[in-house]
Full PDB file with SEQRES, HELIX, SHEET, SSBOND, CRYST1, ORIGX, SCALE, CONECT and MASTER records, all heavy atoms in Angstrom:
SEQRES   1 A   43  GLY ALA GLY GLN GLN VAL ARG HIS VAL LYS LEU HIS GLY          
SEQRES   2 A   43  ALA LEU ALA ASN MET ALA SER GLU GLU ALA ALA ILE ALA          
SEQRES   3 A   43  GLU ALA TYR VAL ALA ALA ALA LYS ALA ALA ASP PRO ASP          
SEQRES   4 A   43  LEU ILE VAL VAL                                              
HELIX    1 AA1 GLY A   13  GLU A   21  1                                   9    
HELIX    2 AA2 ALA A   23  ALA A   36  1                                  14    
SHEET    1 AA1 2 HIS A   8  VAL A   9  0                                        
SHEET    2 AA1 2 ILE A  41  VAL A  42  1                                        
CRYST1    1.000    1.000    1.000  90.00  90.00  90.00 P 1           1          
ORIGX1      1.000000  0.000000  0.000000        0.00000                         
ORIGX2      0.000000  1.000000  0.000000        0.00000                         
ORIGX3      0.000000  0.000000  1.000000        0.00000                         
SCALE1      1.000000  0.000000  0.000000        0.00000                         
SCALE2      0.000000  1.000000  0.000000        0.00000                         
SCALE3      0.000000  0.000000  1.000000        0.00000                         
ATOM      1  N   GLY A   1       0.808  -1.220   0.000  1.00  0.00           N  
ATOM      2  CA  GLY A   1       0.000   0.000   0.000  1.00  0.00           C  
ATOM      3  C   GLY A   1       0.837   1.265   0.000  1.00  0.00           C  
ATOM      4  O   GLY A   1       0.378   2.324  -0.438  1.00  0.00           O  
ATOM      5  N   ALA A   2       2.078   1.160   0.481  1.00  0.00           N  
ATOM      6  CA  ALA A   2       2.995   2.305   0.507  1.00  0.00           C  
ATOM      7  C   ALA A   2       3.981   2.257  -0.644  1.00  0.00           C  
ATOM      8  O   ALA A   2       4.945   3.032  -0.676  1.00  0.00           O  
ATOM      9  CB  ALA A   2       3.742   2.333   1.839  1.00  0.00           C  
ATOM     10  N   GLY A   3       3.769   1.327  -1.569  1.00  0.00           N  
ATOM     11  CA  GLY A   3       4.685   1.191  -2.700  1.00  0.00           C  
ATOM     12  C   GLY A   3       6.008   0.569  -2.325  1.00  0.00           C  
ATOM     13  O   GLY A   3       7.013   0.768  -3.030  1.00  0.00           O  
ATOM     14  N   GLN A   4       6.019  -0.207  -1.240  1.00  0.00           N  
ATOM     15  CA  GLN A   4       7.254  -0.808  -0.739  1.00  0.00           C  
ATOM     16  C   GLN A   4       7.140  -2.335  -0.724  1.00  0.00           C  
ATOM     17  O   GLN A   4       6.091  -2.895  -1.028  1.00  0.00           O  
ATOM     18  CB  GLN A   4       7.552  -0.302   0.679  1.00  0.00           C  
ATOM     19  CG  GLN A   4       7.705   1.200   0.776  1.00  0.00           C  
ATOM     20  CD  GLN A   4       8.871   1.724  -0.034  1.00  0.00           C  
ATOM     21  OE1 GLN A   4      10.018   1.419   0.240  1.00  0.00           O  
ATOM     22  NE2 GLN A   4       8.574   2.524  -1.050  1.00  0.00           N  
ATOM     23  N   GLN A   5       8.213  -2.992  -0.337  1.00  0.00           N  
ATOM     24  CA  GLN A   5       8.263  -4.442  -0.300  1.00  0.00           C  
ATOM     25  C   GLN A   5       8.904  -4.904   0.995  1.00  0.00           C  
ATOM     26  O   GLN A   5       9.883  -4.303   1.461  1.00  0.00           O  
ATOM     27  CB  GLN A   5       9.072  -4.971  -1.494  1.00  0.00           C  
ATOM     28  CG  GLN A   5       9.154  -6.484  -1.572  1.00  0.00           C  
ATOM     29  CD  GLN A   5       9.958  -6.952  -2.770  1.00  0.00           C  
ATOM     30  OE1 GLN A   5      10.634  -6.162  -3.427  1.00  0.00           O  
ATOM     31  NE2 GLN A   5       9.903  -8.236  -3.067  1.00  0.00           N  
ATOM     32  N   VAL A   6       8.360  -5.953   1.580  1.00  0.00           N  
ATOM     33  CA  VAL A   6       9.001  -6.587   2.736  1.00  0.00           C  
ATOM     34  C   VAL A   6      10.187  -7.383   2.217  1.00  0.00           C  
ATOM     35  O   VAL A   6      10.028  -8.298   1.415  1.00  0.00           O  
ATOM     36  CB  VAL A   6       8.011  -7.500   3.489  1.00  0.00           C  
ATOM     37  CG1 VAL A   6       8.731  -8.251   4.610  1.00  0.00           C  
ATOM     38  CG2 VAL A   6       6.857  -6.676   4.058  1.00  0.00           C  
ATOM     39  N   ARG A   7      11.396  -7.037   2.677  1.00  0.00           N  
ATOM     40  CA  ARG A   7      12.621  -7.642   2.160  1.00  0.00           C  
ATOM     41  C   ARG A   7      13.102  -8.815   3.016  1.00  0.00           C  
ATOM     42  O   ARG A   7      13.777  -9.710   2.516  1.00  0.00           O  
ATOM     43  CB  ARG A   7      13.749  -6.603   2.097  1.00  0.00           C  
ATOM     44  CG  ARG A   7      13.441  -5.408   1.211  1.00  0.00           C  
ATOM     45  CD  ARG A   7      14.657  -4.486   1.088  1.00  0.00           C  
ATOM     46  NE  ARG A   7      15.738  -5.106   0.347  1.00  0.00           N  
ATOM     47  CZ  ARG A   7      16.871  -5.545   0.880  1.00  0.00           C  
ATOM     48  NH1 ARG A   7      17.090  -5.417   2.183  1.00  0.00           N  
ATOM     49  NH2 ARG A   7      17.810  -6.089   0.131  1.00  0.00           N  
ATOM     50  N   HIS A   8      12.773  -8.781   4.303  1.00  0.00           N  
ATOM     51  CA  HIS A   8      13.282  -9.835   5.175  1.00  0.00           C  
ATOM     52  C   HIS A   8      12.271 -10.156   6.264  1.00  0.00           C  
ATOM     53  O   HIS A   8      11.284  -9.442   6.443  1.00  0.00           O  
ATOM     54  CB  HIS A   8      14.628  -9.434   5.797  1.00  0.00           C  
ATOM     55  CG  HIS A   8      14.540  -8.348   6.827  1.00  0.00           C  
ATOM     56  ND1 HIS A   8      14.542  -6.997   6.513  1.00  0.00           N  
ATOM     57  CD2 HIS A   8      14.436  -8.402   8.190  1.00  0.00           C  
ATOM     58  CE1 HIS A   8      14.462  -6.285   7.610  1.00  0.00           C  
ATOM     59  NE2 HIS A   8      14.399  -7.113   8.650  1.00  0.00           N  
ATOM     60  N   VAL A   9      12.530 -11.226   6.987  1.00  0.00           N  
ATOM     61  CA  VAL A   9      11.686 -11.623   8.115  1.00  0.00           C  
ATOM     62  C   VAL A   9      12.595 -12.098   9.244  1.00  0.00           C  
ATOM     63  O   VAL A   9      13.613 -12.756   9.013  1.00  0.00           O  
ATOM     64  CB  VAL A   9      10.664 -12.710   7.699  1.00  0.00           C  
ATOM     65  CG1 VAL A   9      11.367 -13.954   7.172  1.00  0.00           C  
ATOM     66  CG2 VAL A   9       9.741 -13.077   8.854  1.00  0.00           C  
ATOM     67  N   LYS A  10      12.213 -11.714  10.468  1.00  0.00           N  
ATOM     68  CA  LYS A  10      13.012 -12.078  11.644  1.00  0.00           C  
ATOM     69  C   LYS A  10      12.063 -12.363  12.804  1.00  0.00           C  
ATOM     70  O   LYS A  10      11.201 -11.546  13.119  1.00  0.00           O  
ATOM     71  CB  LYS A  10      13.954 -10.923  12.012  1.00  0.00           C  
ATOM     72  CG  LYS A  10      14.688 -11.133  13.339  1.00  0.00           C  
ATOM     73  CD  LYS A  10      15.401  -9.884  13.793  1.00  0.00           C  
ATOM     74  CE  LYS A  10      15.758  -9.991  15.269  1.00  0.00           C  
ATOM     75  NZ  LYS A  10      16.461  -8.793  15.748  1.00  0.00           N  
ATOM     76  N   LEU A  11      12.220 -13.504  13.432  1.00  0.00           N  
ATOM     77  CA  LEU A  11      11.360 -13.868  14.547  1.00  0.00           C  
ATOM     78  C   LEU A  11      11.654 -13.017  15.777  1.00  0.00           C  
ATOM     79  O   LEU A  11      12.770 -12.543  15.984  1.00  0.00           O  
ATOM     80  CB  LEU A  11      11.562 -15.337  14.921  1.00  0.00           C  
ATOM     81  CG  LEU A  11      10.961 -16.383  13.992  1.00  0.00           C  
ATOM     82  CD1 LEU A  11      11.249 -17.771  14.533  1.00  0.00           C  
ATOM     83  CD2 LEU A  11       9.462 -16.175  13.824  1.00  0.00           C  
ATOM     84  N   HIS A  12      10.620 -12.887  16.627  1.00  0.00           N  
ATOM     85  CA  HIS A  12      10.728 -12.101  17.857  1.00  0.00           C  
ATOM     86  C   HIS A  12      10.767 -13.001  19.089  1.00  0.00           C  
ATOM     87  O   HIS A  12      10.097 -14.032  19.146  1.00  0.00           O  
ATOM     88  CB  HIS A  12       9.532 -11.154  17.974  1.00  0.00           C  
ATOM     89  CG  HIS A  12       9.410 -10.505  19.322  1.00  0.00           C  
ATOM     90  ND1 HIS A  12      10.182  -9.427  19.694  1.00  0.00           N  
ATOM     91  CD2 HIS A  12       8.628 -10.796  20.388  1.00  0.00           C  
ATOM     92  CE1 HIS A  12       9.870  -9.071  20.934  1.00  0.00           C  
ATOM     93  NE2 HIS A  12       8.931  -9.886  21.376  1.00  0.00           N  
ATOM     94  N   GLY A  13      11.513 -12.560  20.077  1.00  0.00           N  
ATOM     95  CA  GLY A  13      11.400 -13.046  21.446  1.00  0.00           C  
ATOM     96  C   GLY A  13      11.484 -14.538  21.659  1.00  0.00           C  
ATOM     97  O   GLY A  13      12.382 -15.228  21.161  1.00  0.00           O  
ATOM     98  N   ALA A  14      10.517 -15.058  22.434  1.00  0.00           N  
ATOM     99  CA  ALA A  14      10.533 -16.465  22.822  1.00  0.00           C  
ATOM    100  C   ALA A  14      10.460 -17.382  21.615  1.00  0.00           C  
ATOM    101  O   ALA A  14      11.110 -18.442  21.582  1.00  0.00           O  
ATOM    102  CB  ALA A  14       9.366 -16.750  23.769  1.00  0.00           C  
ATOM    103  N   LEU A  15       9.700 -16.997  20.608  1.00  0.00           N  
ATOM    104  CA  LEU A  15       9.590 -17.837  19.415  1.00  0.00           C  
ATOM    105  C   LEU A  15      10.927 -17.915  18.677  1.00  0.00           C  
ATOM    106  O   LEU A  15      11.306 -18.971  18.171  1.00  0.00           O  
ATOM    107  CB  LEU A  15       8.487 -17.302  18.504  1.00  0.00           C  
ATOM    108  CG  LEU A  15       8.116 -18.160  17.288  1.00  0.00           C  
ATOM    109  CD1 LEU A  15       7.841 -19.600  17.688  1.00  0.00           C  
ATOM    110  CD2 LEU A  15       6.910 -17.561  16.577  1.00  0.00           C  
ATOM    111  N   ALA A  16      11.655 -16.814  18.643  1.00  0.00           N  
ATOM    112  CA  ALA A  16      12.989 -16.820  18.024  1.00  0.00           C  
ATOM    113  C   ALA A  16      13.929 -17.748  18.781  1.00  0.00           C  
ATOM    114  O   ALA A  16      14.692 -18.516  18.179  1.00  0.00           O  
ATOM    115  CB  ALA A  16      13.557 -15.404  17.989  1.00  0.00           C  
ATOM    116  N   ASN A  17      13.878 -17.693  20.094  1.00  0.00           N  
ATOM    117  CA  ASN A  17      14.745 -18.552  20.893  1.00  0.00           C  
ATOM    118  C   ASN A  17      14.397 -20.024  20.692  1.00  0.00           C  
ATOM    119  O   ASN A  17      15.281 -20.875  20.560  1.00  0.00           O  
ATOM    120  CB  ASN A  17      14.644 -18.179  22.369  1.00  0.00           C  
ATOM    121  CG  ASN A  17      15.266 -16.831  22.675  1.00  0.00           C  
ATOM    122  OD1 ASN A  17      16.203 -16.408  22.007  1.00  0.00           O  
ATOM    123  ND2 ASN A  17      14.750 -16.137  23.673  1.00  0.00           N  
ATOM    124  N   MET A  18      13.099 -20.331  20.653  1.00  0.00           N  
ATOM    125  CA  MET A  18      12.671 -21.717  20.472  1.00  0.00           C  
ATOM    126  C   MET A  18      13.060 -22.243  19.093  1.00  0.00           C  
ATOM    127  O   MET A  18      13.487 -23.390  18.943  1.00  0.00           O  
ATOM    128  CB  MET A  18      11.166 -21.835  20.701  1.00  0.00           C  
ATOM    129  CG  MET A  18      10.770 -21.600  22.156  1.00  0.00           C  
ATOM    130  SD  MET A  18       8.982 -21.450  22.404  1.00  0.00           S  
ATOM    131  CE  MET A  18       8.452 -23.135  22.097  1.00  0.00           C  
ATOM    132  N   ALA A  19      12.929 -21.402  18.070  1.00  0.00           N  
ATOM    133  CA  ALA A  19      13.307 -21.815  16.712  1.00  0.00           C  
ATOM    134  C   ALA A  19      14.812 -22.015  16.593  1.00  0.00           C  
ATOM    135  O   ALA A  19      15.278 -22.786  15.746  1.00  0.00           O  
ATOM    136  CB  ALA A  19      12.834 -20.782  15.701  1.00  0.00           C  
ATOM    137  N   SER A  20      15.578 -21.322  17.428  1.00  0.00           N  
ATOM    138  CA  SER A  20      17.034 -21.492  17.414  1.00  0.00           C  
ATOM    139  C   SER A  20      17.460 -22.792  18.073  1.00  0.00           C  
ATOM    140  O   SER A  20      18.553 -23.299  17.821  1.00  0.00           O  
ATOM    141  CB  SER A  20      17.702 -20.317  18.129  1.00  0.00           C  
ATOM    142  OG  SER A  20      17.464 -19.115  17.425  1.00  0.00           O  
ATOM    143  N   GLU A  21      16.579 -23.340  18.915  1.00  0.00           N  
ATOM    144  CA  GLU A  21      16.898 -24.548  19.677  1.00  0.00           C  
ATOM    145  C   GLU A  21      16.272 -25.811  19.101  1.00  0.00           C  
ATOM    146  O   GLU A  21      16.825 -26.899  19.262  1.00  0.00           O  
ATOM    147  CB  GLU A  21      16.409 -24.380  21.126  1.00  0.00           C  
ATOM    148  CG  GLU A  21      17.038 -23.213  21.866  1.00  0.00           C  
ATOM    149  CD  GLU A  21      16.233 -22.792  23.089  1.00  0.00           C  
ATOM    150  OE1 GLU A  21      15.227 -23.481  23.411  1.00  0.00           O  
ATOM    151  OE2 GLU A  21      16.591 -21.782  23.714  1.00  0.00           O  
ATOM    152  N   GLU A  22      15.111 -25.683  18.435  1.00  0.00           N  
ATOM    153  CA  GLU A  22      14.343 -26.854  18.022  1.00  0.00           C  
ATOM    154  C   GLU A  22      14.141 -26.852  16.506  1.00  0.00           C  
ATOM    155  O   GLU A  22      13.525 -25.939  15.949  1.00  0.00           O  
ATOM    156  CB  GLU A  22      12.985 -26.871  18.728  1.00  0.00           C  
ATOM    157  CG  GLU A  22      13.091 -26.900  20.247  1.00  0.00           C  
ATOM    158  CD  GLU A  22      11.735 -26.888  20.928  1.00  0.00           C  
ATOM    159  OE1 GLU A  22      10.794 -27.516  20.391  1.00  0.00           O  
ATOM    160  OE2 GLU A  22      11.605 -26.243  21.980  1.00  0.00           O  
ATOM    161  N   ALA A  23      14.609 -27.905  15.858  1.00  0.00           N  
ATOM    162  CA  ALA A  23      14.561 -27.990  14.396  1.00  0.00           C  
ATOM    163  C   ALA A  23      13.131 -27.934  13.861  1.00  0.00           C  
ATOM    164  O   ALA A  23      12.873 -27.306  12.826  1.00  0.00           O  
ATOM    165  CB  ALA A  23      15.247 -29.274  13.932  1.00  0.00           C  
ATOM    166  N   ALA A  24      12.184 -28.560  14.553  1.00  0.00           N  
ATOM    167  CA  ALA A  24      10.805 -28.605  14.063  1.00  0.00           C  
ATOM    168  C   ALA A  24      10.195 -27.209  14.011  1.00  0.00           C  
ATOM    169  O   ALA A  24       9.475 -26.864  13.057  1.00  0.00           O  
ATOM    170  CB  ALA A  24       9.956 -29.524  14.944  1.00  0.00           C  
ATOM    171  N   ILE A  25      10.462 -26.393  15.028  1.00  0.00           N  
ATOM    172  CA  ILE A  25       9.929 -25.030  15.046  1.00  0.00           C  
ATOM    173  C   ILE A  25      10.632 -24.196  13.985  1.00  0.00           C  
ATOM    174  O   ILE A  25       9.998 -23.401  13.274  1.00  0.00           O  
ATOM    175  CB  ILE A  25      10.090 -24.407  16.443  1.00  0.00           C  
ATOM    176  CG1 ILE A  25       9.258 -25.187  17.459  1.00  0.00           C  
ATOM    177  CG2 ILE A  25       9.682 -22.932  16.436  1.00  0.00           C  
ATOM    178  CD1 ILE A  25       9.453 -24.749  18.893  1.00  0.00           C  
ATOM    179  N   ALA A  26      11.930 -24.374  13.851  1.00  0.00           N  
ATOM    180  CA  ALA A  26      12.678 -23.650  12.818  1.00  0.00           C  
ATOM    181  C   ALA A  26      12.125 -23.967  11.431  1.00  0.00           C  
ATOM    182  O   ALA A  26      11.940 -23.076  10.594  1.00  0.00           O  
ATOM    183  CB  ALA A  26      14.156 -24.011  12.899  1.00  0.00           C  
ATOM    184  N   GLU A  27      11.840 -25.232  11.169  1.00  0.00           N  
ATOM    185  CA  GLU A  27      11.337 -25.633   9.856  1.00  0.00           C  
ATOM    186  C   GLU A  27       9.936 -25.089   9.594  1.00  0.00           C  
ATOM    187  O   GLU A  27       9.604 -24.714   8.460  1.00  0.00           O  
ATOM    188  CB  GLU A  27      11.376 -27.157   9.743  1.00  0.00           C  
ATOM    189  CG  GLU A  27      12.795 -27.699   9.624  1.00  0.00           C  
ATOM    190  CD  GLU A  27      12.907 -29.200   9.816  1.00  0.00           C  
ATOM    191  OE1 GLU A  27      11.839 -29.852   9.983  1.00  0.00           O  
ATOM    192  OE2 GLU A  27      14.040 -29.722   9.800  1.00  0.00           O  
ATOM    193  N   ALA A  28       9.098 -25.022  10.636  1.00  0.00           N  
ATOM    194  CA  ALA A  28       7.761 -24.445  10.474  1.00  0.00           C  
ATOM    195  C   ALA A  28       7.850 -22.959  10.147  1.00  0.00           C  
ATOM    196  O   ALA A  28       7.077 -22.437   9.318  1.00  0.00           O  
ATOM    197  CB  ALA A  28       6.948 -24.663  11.751  1.00  0.00           C  
ATOM    198  N   TYR A  29       8.772 -22.276  10.765  1.00  0.00           N  
ATOM    199  CA  TYR A  29       8.993 -20.849  10.486  1.00  0.00           C  
ATOM    200  C   TYR A  29       9.477 -20.640   9.060  1.00  0.00           C  
ATOM    201  O   TYR A  29       8.959 -19.794   8.321  1.00  0.00           O  
ATOM    202  CB  TYR A  29      10.001 -20.311  11.492  1.00  0.00           C  
ATOM    203  CG  TYR A  29      10.659 -18.998  11.149  1.00  0.00           C  
ATOM    204  CD1 TYR A  29       9.913 -17.913  10.678  1.00  0.00           C  
ATOM    205  CD2 TYR A  29      12.029 -18.832  11.314  1.00  0.00           C  
ATOM    206  CE1 TYR A  29      10.530 -16.705  10.376  1.00  0.00           C  
ATOM    207  CE2 TYR A  29      12.651 -17.635  11.030  1.00  0.00           C  
ATOM    208  CZ  TYR A  29      11.901 -16.579  10.555  1.00  0.00           C  
ATOM    209  OH  TYR A  29      12.512 -15.380  10.262  1.00  0.00           O  
ATOM    210  N   VAL A  30      10.451 -21.427   8.653  1.00  0.00           N  
ATOM    211  CA  VAL A  30      10.985 -21.285   7.297  1.00  0.00           C  
ATOM    212  C   VAL A  30       9.904 -21.603   6.264  1.00  0.00           C  
ATOM    213  O   VAL A  30       9.832 -20.954   5.210  1.00  0.00           O  
ATOM    214  CB  VAL A  30      12.233 -22.173   7.113  1.00  0.00           C  
ATOM    215  CG1 VAL A  30      12.700 -22.159   5.673  1.00  0.00           C  
ATOM    216  CG2 VAL A  30      13.358 -21.697   8.032  1.00  0.00           C  
ATOM    217  N   ALA A  31       9.040 -22.565   6.564  1.00  0.00           N  
ATOM    218  CA  ALA A  31       7.935 -22.882   5.650  1.00  0.00           C  
ATOM    219  C   ALA A  31       7.011 -21.683   5.475  1.00  0.00           C  
ATOM    220  O   ALA A  31       6.534 -21.403   4.365  1.00  0.00           O  
ATOM    221  CB  ALA A  31       7.157 -24.081   6.175  1.00  0.00           C  
ATOM    222  N   ALA A  32       6.750 -20.958   6.560  1.00  0.00           N  
ATOM    223  CA  ALA A  32       5.909 -19.762   6.474  1.00  0.00           C  
ATOM    224  C   ALA A  32       6.575 -18.682   5.638  1.00  0.00           C  
ATOM    225  O   ALA A  32       5.934 -18.048   4.787  1.00  0.00           O  
ATOM    226  CB  ALA A  32       5.607 -19.236   7.877  1.00  0.00           C  
ATOM    227  N   ALA A  33       7.858 -18.466   5.858  1.00  0.00           N  
ATOM    228  CA  ALA A  33       8.588 -17.455   5.090  1.00  0.00           C  
ATOM    229  C   ALA A  33       8.588 -17.793   3.607  1.00  0.00           C  
ATOM    230  O   ALA A  33       8.365 -16.916   2.755  1.00  0.00           O  
ATOM    231  CB  ALA A  33      10.018 -17.337   5.616  1.00  0.00           C  
ATOM    232  N   LYS A  34       8.806 -19.057   3.302  1.00  0.00           N  
ATOM    233  CA  LYS A  34       8.860 -19.481   1.899  1.00  0.00           C  
ATOM    234  C   LYS A  34       7.498 -19.339   1.232  1.00  0.00           C  
ATOM    235  O   LYS A  34       7.394 -18.948   0.066  1.00  0.00           O  
ATOM    236  CB  LYS A  34       9.354 -20.926   1.810  1.00  0.00           C  
ATOM    237  CG  LYS A  34       9.791 -21.338   0.418  1.00  0.00           C  
ATOM    238  CD  LYS A  34      10.601 -22.624   0.465  1.00  0.00           C  
ATOM    239  CE  LYS A  34      11.264 -22.904  -0.880  1.00  0.00           C  
ATOM    240  NZ  LYS A  34      12.158 -24.088  -0.805  1.00  0.00           N  
ATOM    241  N   ALA A  35       6.440 -19.644   1.967  1.00  0.00           N  
ATOM    242  CA  ALA A  35       5.094 -19.508   1.419  1.00  0.00           C  
ATOM    243  C   ALA A  35       4.751 -18.041   1.169  1.00  0.00           C  
ATOM    244  O   ALA A  35       4.065 -17.709   0.192  1.00  0.00           O  
ATOM    245  CB  ALA A  35       4.076 -20.140   2.370  1.00  0.00           C  
ATOM    246  N   ALA A  36       5.205 -17.166   2.055  1.00  0.00           N  
ATOM    247  CA  ALA A  36       4.927 -15.739   1.896  1.00  0.00           C  
ATOM    248  C   ALA A  36       5.673 -15.151   0.712  1.00  0.00           C  
ATOM    249  O   ALA A  36       5.120 -14.354  -0.057  1.00  0.00           O  
ATOM    250  CB  ALA A  36       5.302 -14.995   3.178  1.00  0.00           C  
ATOM    251  N   ASP A  37       6.946 -15.537   0.553  1.00  0.00           N  
ATOM    252  CA  ASP A  37       7.770 -15.032  -0.544  1.00  0.00           C  
ATOM    253  C   ASP A  37       9.083 -15.801  -0.525  1.00  0.00           C  
ATOM    254  O   ASP A  37       9.889 -15.621   0.393  1.00  0.00           O  
ATOM    255  CB  ASP A  37       8.030 -13.532  -0.372  1.00  0.00           C  
ATOM    256  CG  ASP A  37       8.898 -12.939  -1.472  1.00  0.00           C  
ATOM    257  OD1 ASP A  37       9.384 -13.698  -2.331  1.00  0.00           O  
ATOM    258  OD2 ASP A  37       9.119 -11.714  -1.460  1.00  0.00           O  
ATOM    259  N   PRO A  38       9.326 -16.660  -1.514  1.00  0.00           N  
ATOM    260  CA  PRO A  38      10.566 -17.452  -1.503  1.00  0.00           C  
ATOM    261  C   PRO A  38      11.833 -16.623  -1.611  1.00  0.00           C  
ATOM    262  O   PRO A  38      12.931 -17.143  -1.384  1.00  0.00           O  
ATOM    263  CB  PRO A  38      10.407 -18.375  -2.723  1.00  0.00           C  
ATOM    264  CG  PRO A  38       9.379 -17.720  -3.583  1.00  0.00           C  
ATOM    265  CD  PRO A  38       8.461 -16.969  -2.660  1.00  0.00           C  
ATOM    266  N   ASP A  39      11.695 -15.328  -1.929  1.00  0.00           N  
ATOM    267  CA  ASP A  39      12.868 -14.454  -2.014  1.00  0.00           C  
ATOM    268  C   ASP A  39      13.118 -13.672  -0.725  1.00  0.00           C  
ATOM    269  O   ASP A  39      14.068 -12.884  -0.656  1.00  0.00           O  
ATOM    270  CB  ASP A  39      12.717 -13.468  -3.181  1.00  0.00           C  
ATOM    271  CG  ASP A  39      12.741 -14.165  -4.534  1.00  0.00           C  
ATOM    272  OD1 ASP A  39      13.479 -15.152  -4.669  1.00  0.00           O  
ATOM    273  OD2 ASP A  39      12.013 -13.731  -5.446  1.00  0.00           O  
ATOM    274  N   LEU A  40      12.274 -13.863   0.296  1.00  0.00           N  
ATOM    275  CA  LEU A  40      12.496 -13.191   1.570  1.00  0.00           C  
ATOM    276  C   LEU A  40      13.838 -13.613   2.157  1.00  0.00           C  
ATOM    277  O   LEU A  40      14.188 -14.794   2.162  1.00  0.00           O  
ATOM    278  CB  LEU A  40      11.404 -13.558   2.578  1.00  0.00           C  
ATOM    279  CG  LEU A  40      10.086 -12.787   2.567  1.00  0.00           C  
ATOM    280  CD1 LEU A  40       9.142 -13.372   3.613  1.00  0.00           C  
ATOM    281  CD2 LEU A  40      10.312 -11.303   2.837  1.00  0.00           C  
ATOM    282  N   ILE A  41      14.573 -12.635   2.678  1.00  0.00           N  
ATOM    283  CA  ILE A  41      15.788 -12.945   3.433  1.00  0.00           C  
ATOM    284  C   ILE A  41      15.359 -13.358   4.840  1.00  0.00           C  
ATOM    285  O   ILE A  41      14.633 -12.616   5.512  1.00  0.00           O  
ATOM    286  CB  ILE A  41      16.717 -11.726   3.513  1.00  0.00           C  
ATOM    287  CG1 ILE A  41      17.125 -11.258   2.110  1.00  0.00           C  
ATOM    288  CG2 ILE A  41      17.952 -12.043   4.352  1.00  0.00           C  
ATOM    289  CD1 ILE A  41      17.777  -9.898   2.091  1.00  0.00           C  
ATOM    290  N   VAL A  42      15.764 -14.539   5.259  1.00  0.00           N  
ATOM    291  CA  VAL A  42      15.398 -15.016   6.593  1.00  0.00           C  
ATOM    292  C   VAL A  42      16.559 -14.729   7.538  1.00  0.00           C  
ATOM    293  O   VAL A  42      17.675 -15.224   7.339  1.00  0.00           O  
ATOM    294  CB  VAL A  42      15.076 -16.518   6.583  1.00  0.00           C  
ATOM    295  CG1 VAL A  42      14.645 -16.972   7.980  1.00  0.00           C  
ATOM    296  CG2 VAL A  42      13.967 -16.819   5.574  1.00  0.00           C  
ATOM    297  N   VAL A  43      16.285 -13.911   8.530  1.00  0.00           N  
ATOM    298  CA  VAL A  43      17.303 -13.569   9.529  1.00  0.00           C  
ATOM    299  C   VAL A  43      17.331 -14.679  10.572  1.00  0.00           C  
ATOM    300  O   VAL A  43      16.294 -15.057  11.123  1.00  0.00           O  
ATOM    301  CB  VAL A  43      16.989 -12.220  10.183  1.00  0.00           C  
ATOM    302  CG1 VAL A  43      18.039 -11.887  11.248  1.00  0.00           C  
ATOM    303  CG2 VAL A  43      16.924 -11.116   9.136  1.00  0.00           C  
TER     304      VAL A  43                                                      
MASTER        0    0    0    2    2    0    0    6  303    1    0    4          
END                                                                             
């Protein structure tokens, strides 16, 4: 709506910590990022 593009995605807080520790949560997050835009930079 502002003529811009979301370039990257980065998890917040407890969810970020859990995804850093558990492969299943990390993979679910990456699946969401890929579905939203396969060119998103995942932090």
